[in-house]
């Protein structure tokens, strides 16, 4: 039988019966408010990330969200179009706690470059923190924090080895510094900074890069955060810079690395602008967010992976 609303009373506007609750049986209304136990949906369990309800309630009280960084990270990687990590790979990417959020363009470019160059790669769906921000806060508890860090690094290395990895590739310069400072030759899986892995892949492929004539300013990075805690750890920054001299059509103007990206980003961008360069290239992933923010409306800022991708594409238009 077709549904028909109760008749309208004199003076009542059209449609009012649908808005009146009186014509719904009281027991029906009560039933709609009842929460019935049922099987928890898979997406809810994914968001819970192994925590019970009380733990999630506490998380909302503490930081405003029930989601863990791990869940948010994996959803962001999916939104970037990276898909699922391969079951195995020679190069195991470690993105770090911050890179997917503060520099998602680096993560996306690195994966795209590896795919384009035919590099066997994968990444970890769950990483442990490198601990660098905690080292900065440790003070007299440094030894305690370092012991925890060694455990986290070992866990990451073991997960990378389980995926068939030959080495770990750190997209975050901070993570790479901590890992290299704690690595003992012959123990666990070795690691490299992402720029080394990308240049290794380009050289193995025999790719000579060329771009339409363009001038860029180059800022290696200030290294203030990492060297204050790990002063003896070094990457091959000279290699990253020398490689650019071999790119046909690319002119590089070096900026001094004597300004901090966190406190003097505006000064770095002003110096880059004065060179007349089309863009500023920064080889340190940690310096990128501050420089990009300071460069808004001033000068484009490219990460090192972005420059390599642009060189492969032959596209340096700004």
Protein backbone atom coordinates (compact mmCIF):
# COMPACT_ATOMS: atom_id res chain seq x y z
CA UNK A 1 0.00 0.00 0.00
CA UNK A 2 1.48 3.41 -0.94
CA UNK A 3 2.69 5.59 1.90
CA UNK A 4 0.42 8.51 2.64
CA UNK A 5 1.04 11.18 5.27
CA UNK A 6 -1.66 11.98 7.81
CA UNK A 7 -4.17 14.55 6.62
CA UNK A 8 -3.35 18.21 6.99
CA UNK A 9 -5.20 20.19 9.63
CA UNK A 10 -6.83 23.54 8.84
CA UNK A 11 -4.17 26.25 8.46
CA UNK A 12 -1.25 23.84 8.51
CA UNK A 13 1.30 24.49 5.71
CA UNK A 14 1.88 21.89 3.00
CA UNK A 15 4.53 19.39 4.03
CA UNK A 16 4.04 19.97 7.74
CA UNK A 17 2.89 16.38 8.41
CA UNK A 18 6.29 15.17 7.34
CA UNK A 19 7.88 17.41 9.93
CA UNK A 20 5.59 16.41 12.76
CA UNK A 21 6.99 13.67 14.95
CA UNK A 22 3.58 12.85 16.39
CA UNK A 23 2.55 10.61 13.51
CA UNK A 24 5.62 8.34 14.04
CA UNK A 25 4.97 5.65 16.65
CA UNK A 26 6.97 6.40 19.82
CA UNK A 27 8.50 2.90 19.85
CA UNK A 28 9.83 3.45 16.30
CA UNK A 29 11.55 6.69 17.35
CA UNK A 30 13.10 5.00 20.36
CA UNK A 31 14.38 2.15 18.21
CA UNK A 32 16.22 4.57 15.91
CA UNK A 33 18.14 5.93 18.90
CA UNK A 34 19.18 2.49 20.11
CA UNK A 35 22.80 1.47 19.42
CA UNK A 36 22.84 -2.20 18.63
CA UNK A 37 26.01 -4.26 19.05
CA UNK A 38 27.34 -5.47 15.73
CA UNK A 39 30.55 -6.53 14.05
CA UNK A 40 33.01 -3.64 13.87
CA UNK A 41 33.71 -2.59 10.28
CA UNK A 42 37.19 -3.11 8.86
CA UNK A 43 37.78 0.63 8.33
CA UNK A 44 37.07 1.26 12.01
CA UNK A 45 39.61 -1.38 13.03
CA UNK A 46 42.15 0.14 10.64
CA UNK A 47 41.67 3.52 12.28
CA UNK A 48 41.94 2.01 15.75
CA UNK A 49 45.41 0.74 14.81
CA UNK A 50 45.45 -1.93 17.49
CA UNK A 51 44.25 0.34 20.31
CA UNK A 52 41.19 -0.17 22.46
CA UNK A 53 38.44 2.42 22.92
CA UNK A 54 39.95 3.91 26.08
CA UNK A 55 43.28 4.46 24.35
CA UNK A 56 41.57 6.20 21.45
CA UNK A 57 39.55 8.40 23.81
CA UNK A 58 42.78 9.38 25.55
CA UNK A 59 44.37 10.15 22.18
CA UNK A 60 41.58 12.59 21.33
CA UNK A 61 41.96 14.28 24.72
CA UNK A 62 45.73 14.54 24.24
CA UNK A 63 46.06 15.63 20.61
CA UNK A 64 42.58 16.19 19.18
CA UNK A 65 42.39 13.09 16.98
CA UNK A 66 41.89 9.39 17.52
CA UNK A 67 44.03 8.57 14.45
CA UNK A 68 47.65 7.53 14.83
CA UNK A 69 50.39 9.05 12.72
CA UNK A 70 50.87 5.68 11.07
CA UNK A 71 47.26 5.52 9.87
CA UNK A 72 47.29 9.13 8.66
CA UNK A 73 50.62 8.54 6.91
CA UNK A 74 49.41 5.52 4.97
CA UNK A 75 46.23 7.31 3.94
CA UNK A 76 48.31 10.24 2.71
CA UNK A 77 50.60 7.95 0.72
CA UNK A 78 47.50 6.46 -0.92
CA UNK A 79 46.16 9.95 -1.66
CA UNK A 80 49.48 10.78 -3.36
CA UNK A 81 48.79 7.90 -5.74
CA UNK A 82 51.64 5.70 -4.55
CA UNK A 83 49.49 2.61 -4.15
CA UNK A 84 50.62 -0.25 -1.94
CA UNK A 85 54.31 -1.01 -1.33
CA UNK A 86 55.71 -3.97 -3.23
CA UNK A 87 56.14 -7.15 -1.15
CA UNK A 88 59.90 -7.02 -1.75
CA UNK A 89 62.48 -4.62 -3.14
CA UNK A 90 66.21 -3.99 -3.23
CA UNK A 91 65.88 -0.39 -2.07
CA UNK A 92 63.63 0.01 0.98
CA UNK A 93 62.42 3.57 1.37
CA UNK A 94 61.99 5.04 4.83
CA UNK A 95 59.97 8.24 4.61
CA UNK A 96 60.27 9.33 8.24
CA UNK A 97 57.67 10.80 10.57
CA UNK A 98 57.49 14.21 8.89
CA UNK A 99 58.38 13.90 5.21
CA UNK A 100 54.98 12.55 4.04
CA UNK A 101 53.26 15.49 5.74
CA UNK A 102 55.62 18.46 5.42
CA UNK A 103 57.23 17.52 2.09
CA UNK A 104 54.87 15.08 0.32
CA UNK A 105 56.28 16.27 -3.01
CA UNK A 106 59.66 14.73 -2.08
CA UNK A 107 58.07 11.37 -1.31
CA UNK A 108 56.09 11.42 -4.56
CA UNK A 109 59.08 12.45 -6.69
CA UNK A 110 61.38 9.81 -5.19
CA UNK A 111 58.93 6.99 -5.87
CA UNK A 112 58.28 8.31 -9.38
CA UNK A 113 62.02 8.47 -10.11
CA UNK A 114 62.63 4.95 -8.84
CA UNK A 115 59.80 3.65 -11.02
CA UNK A 116 61.02 5.54 -14.05
CA UNK A 117 64.60 4.31 -13.62
CA UNK A 118 63.50 0.72 -13.06
CA UNK A 119 64.79 0.53 -9.50
CA UNK A 120 63.53 -2.42 -7.46
CA UNK A 121 62.03 -0.72 -4.42
CA UNK A 122 59.44 -0.88 -1.70
CA UNK A 123 58.69 0.86 1.59
CA UNK A 124 57.56 -0.02 5.09
CA UNK A 125 53.86 0.31 5.92
CA UNK A 126 54.91 0.94 9.53
CA UNK A 127 58.12 2.74 10.52
CA UNK A 128 59.56 3.49 13.92
CA UNK A 129 60.71 7.04 14.65
CA UNK A 130 64.41 7.88 14.25
CA UNK A 131 64.21 9.80 17.53
CA UNK A 132 66.02 12.98 16.47
CA UNK A 133 63.43 15.37 17.99
CA UNK A 134 63.74 13.42 21.25
CA UNK A 135 67.53 13.71 21.25
CA UNK A 136 67.14 17.49 21.12
CA UNK A 137 65.06 17.30 24.31
CA UNK A 138 66.97 14.55 26.11
CA UNK A 139 69.53 16.57 28.08
CA UNK A 140 70.92 14.37 30.84
CA UNK A 141 68.74 11.49 29.62
CA UNK A 142 70.68 11.27 26.34
CA UNK A 143 71.98 7.75 26.99
CA UNK A 144 68.47 6.51 27.77
CA UNK A 145 67.04 8.06 24.61
CA UNK A 146 69.90 6.75 22.45
CA UNK A 147 69.26 3.23 23.74
CA UNK A 148 65.61 3.52 22.67
CA UNK A 149 66.70 4.89 19.30
CA UNK A 150 68.98 1.93 18.64
CA UNK A 151 66.03 -0.36 19.24
CA UNK A 152 63.81 1.57 16.83
CA UNK A 153 66.49 1.64 14.16
CA UNK A 154 67.09 -2.08 14.55
CA UNK A 155 63.35 -2.73 14.18
CA UNK A 156 63.23 -0.72 10.95
CA UNK A 157 66.30 -2.49 9.58
CA UNK A 158 64.82 -5.90 10.41
CA UNK A 159 61.55 -5.04 8.65
CA UNK A 160 63.48 -3.78 5.63
CA UNK A 161 65.56 -6.96 5.53
CA UNK A 162 62.39 -9.05 5.75
CA UNK A 163 61.24 -7.37 2.52
CA UNK A 164 64.40 -8.51 0.79
CA UNK A 165 66.04 -5.10 1.02
CA UNK A 166 69.71 -4.64 0.25
CA UNK A 167 69.82 -1.23 1.89
CA UNK A 168 67.62 1.37 3.51
CA UNK A 169 67.04 4.66 1.69
CA UNK A 170 66.21 7.58 4.00
CA UNK A 171 64.11 10.36 2.49
CA UNK A 172 64.59 12.47 5.62
CA UNK A 173 68.03 13.95 6.22
CA UNK A 174 67.45 13.85 9.97
CA UNK A 175 66.57 10.15 9.93
CA UNK A 176 69.60 9.45 7.76
CA UNK A 177 71.96 11.25 10.15
CA UNK A 178 70.66 9.33 13.15
CA UNK A 179 70.80 5.99 11.35
CA UNK A 180 74.30 6.55 9.99
CA UNK A 181 75.56 7.73 13.38
CA UNK A 182 74.33 4.50 14.97
CA UNK A 183 75.27 2.08 12.20
CA UNK A 184 78.03 -0.40 12.92
CA UNK A 185 79.73 -1.83 9.84
CA UNK A 186 78.49 -5.34 9.15
CA UNK A 187 75.58 -5.12 11.58
CA UNK A 188 72.06 -4.95 10.19
CA UNK A 189 71.08 -3.37 6.91
CA UNK A 190 73.14 -0.38 5.71
CA UNK A 191 71.46 2.88 4.79
CA UNK A 192 71.98 5.91 2.55
CA UNK A 193 70.50 9.34 2.12
CA UNK A 194 67.99 9.46 -0.73
CA UNK A 195 70.15 11.69 -2.95
CA UNK A 196 72.84 8.99 -3.04
CA UNK A 197 70.31 6.35 -4.05
CA UNK A 198 68.91 8.55 -6.82
CA UNK A 199 72.35 9.38 -8.23
CA UNK A 200 73.34 5.70 -8.04
CA UNK A 201 70.25 4.84 -10.09
CA UNK A 202 70.89 7.55 -12.68
CA UNK A 203 74.53 6.54 -13.08
CA UNK A 204 73.64 2.83 -13.31
CA UNK A 205 71.14 3.66 -16.06
CA UNK A 206 73.75 5.72 -17.90
CA UNK A 207 71.39 8.67 -18.08
CA UNK A 208 72.91 11.99 -19.10
CA UNK A 209 70.57 14.81 -18.24
CA UNK A 210 69.86 17.92 -20.26
CA UNK A 211 67.48 20.84 -19.86
CA UNK A 212 66.66 24.02 -21.76
CA UNK A 213 69.09 26.72 -20.54
CA UNK A 214 68.20 27.71 -16.99
CA UNK A 215 69.97 29.14 -13.95
CA UNK A 216 69.20 27.96 -10.42
CA UNK A 217 70.49 29.03 -7.03
CA UNK A 218 71.75 26.13 -4.91
CA UNK A 219 71.52 25.84 -1.12
CA UNK A 220 73.10 22.70 0.26
CA UNK A 221 71.37 22.98 3.61
CA UNK A 222 72.26 24.52 6.94
CA UNK A 223 72.71 21.23 8.87
CA UNK A 224 72.09 23.06 12.15
CA UNK A 225 69.65 20.52 13.58
CA UNK A 226 71.61 17.37 12.76
CA UNK A 227 75.17 18.54 13.33
CA UNK A 228 74.32 19.97 16.72
CA UNK A 229 73.54 16.41 17.85
CA UNK A 230 75.68 14.28 15.50
CA UNK A 231 78.64 16.50 14.54
CA UNK A 232 80.76 13.76 12.96
CA UNK A 233 78.12 12.34 10.61
CA UNK A 234 78.42 13.49 7.00
CA UNK A 235 76.72 12.83 3.67
CA UNK A 236 78.48 13.26 0.35
CA UNK A 237 77.11 16.76 -0.20
CA UNK A 238 79.92 17.46 -2.67
CA UNK A 239 78.71 14.62 -4.87
CA UNK A 240 75.18 16.01 -5.05
CA UNK A 241 76.52 19.39 -6.14
CA UNK A 242 79.08 18.03 -8.63
CA UNK A 243 76.45 15.95 -10.38
CA UNK A 244 74.59 19.10 -11.37
CA UNK A 245 77.65 20.38 -13.24
CA UNK A 246 77.12 17.50 -15.66
CA UNK A 247 73.56 18.50 -16.55
CA UNK A 248 73.61 20.16 -19.98
CA UNK A 249 71.91 23.55 -19.98
CA UNK A 250 71.92 23.92 -16.18
CA UNK A 251 73.82 26.80 -14.58
CA UNK A 252 74.17 26.65 -10.80
CA UNK A 253 74.91 29.60 -8.50
CA UNK A 254 76.01 28.46 -5.05
CA UNK A 255 74.68 30.14 -1.93
CA UNK A 256 76.67 30.02 1.31
CA UNK A 257 75.32 27.52 3.82
CA UNK A 258 75.81 29.88 6.75
CA UNK A 259 72.18 30.72 7.44
CA UNK A 260 69.71 28.53 9.35
CA UNK A 261 66.57 27.50 7.48
CA UNK A 262 64.51 27.75 10.66
CA UNK A 263 65.50 31.25 11.74
CA UNK A 264 66.84 32.89 8.57
CA UNK A 265 64.79 31.39 5.74
CA UNK A 266 63.80 34.85 4.54
CA UNK A 267 67.44 35.85 4.23
CA UNK A 268 68.26 32.71 2.25
CA UNK A 269 65.41 33.40 -0.15
CA UNK A 270 66.41 37.04 -0.53
CA UNK A 271 69.97 35.99 -1.41
CA UNK A 272 68.63 33.49 -3.95
CA UNK A 273 66.37 36.12 -5.50
CA UNK A 274 69.30 38.52 -5.91
CA UNK A 275 71.13 36.02 -8.12
CA UNK A 276 68.43 36.31 -10.77
CA UNK A 277 67.96 32.52 -10.71
CA UNK A 278 64.72 30.95 -11.88
CA UNK A 279 64.44 28.82 -8.74
CA UNK A 280 66.23 27.80 -5.56
CA UNK A 281 67.29 24.15 -5.27
CA UNK A 282 67.79 22.77 -1.77
CA UNK A 283 69.46 19.40 -1.24
CA UNK A 284 68.40 19.01 2.40
CA UNK A 285 64.89 17.65 2.87
CA UNK A 286 64.65 19.22 6.32
CA UNK A 287 65.31 22.73 4.99
CA UNK A 288 62.62 22.49 2.30
CA UNK A 289 59.49 23.34 4.33
CA UNK A 290 60.88 26.57 5.79
CA UNK A 291 62.34 27.72 2.50
CA UNK A 292 59.14 26.97 0.59
CA UNK A 293 57.13 28.96 3.10
CA UNK A 294 59.56 31.90 2.91
CA UNK A 295 59.72 31.64 -0.88
CA UNK A 296 55.99 31.95 -1.44
CA UNK A 297 55.54 34.75 -3.95
CA UNK A 298 59.31 35.32 -4.04
CA UNK A 299 60.97 32.42 -5.85
CA UNK A 300 60.10 28.76 -6.51
CA UNK A 301 61.89 26.25 -4.28
CA UNK A 302 62.72 22.82 -5.69
CA UNK A 303 63.88 19.84 -3.70
CA UNK A 304 66.84 17.88 -5.06
CA UNK A 305 64.58 15.00 -6.22
CA UNK A 306 62.30 17.51 -7.96
CA UNK A 307 65.26 18.98 -9.84
CA UNK A 308 66.33 15.50 -10.96
CA UNK A 309 62.79 14.71 -12.11
CA UNK A 310 62.59 17.99 -14.00
CA UNK A 311 65.95 17.24 -15.64
CA UNK A 312 64.70 13.83 -16.75
CA UNK A 313 61.57 15.47 -18.13
CA UNK A 314 63.53 18.31 -19.71
CA UNK A 315 61.03 20.62 -18.02
CA UNK A 316 62.40 23.49 -15.95
CA UNK A 317 59.56 25.91 -16.61
CA UNK A 318 58.52 27.95 -13.58
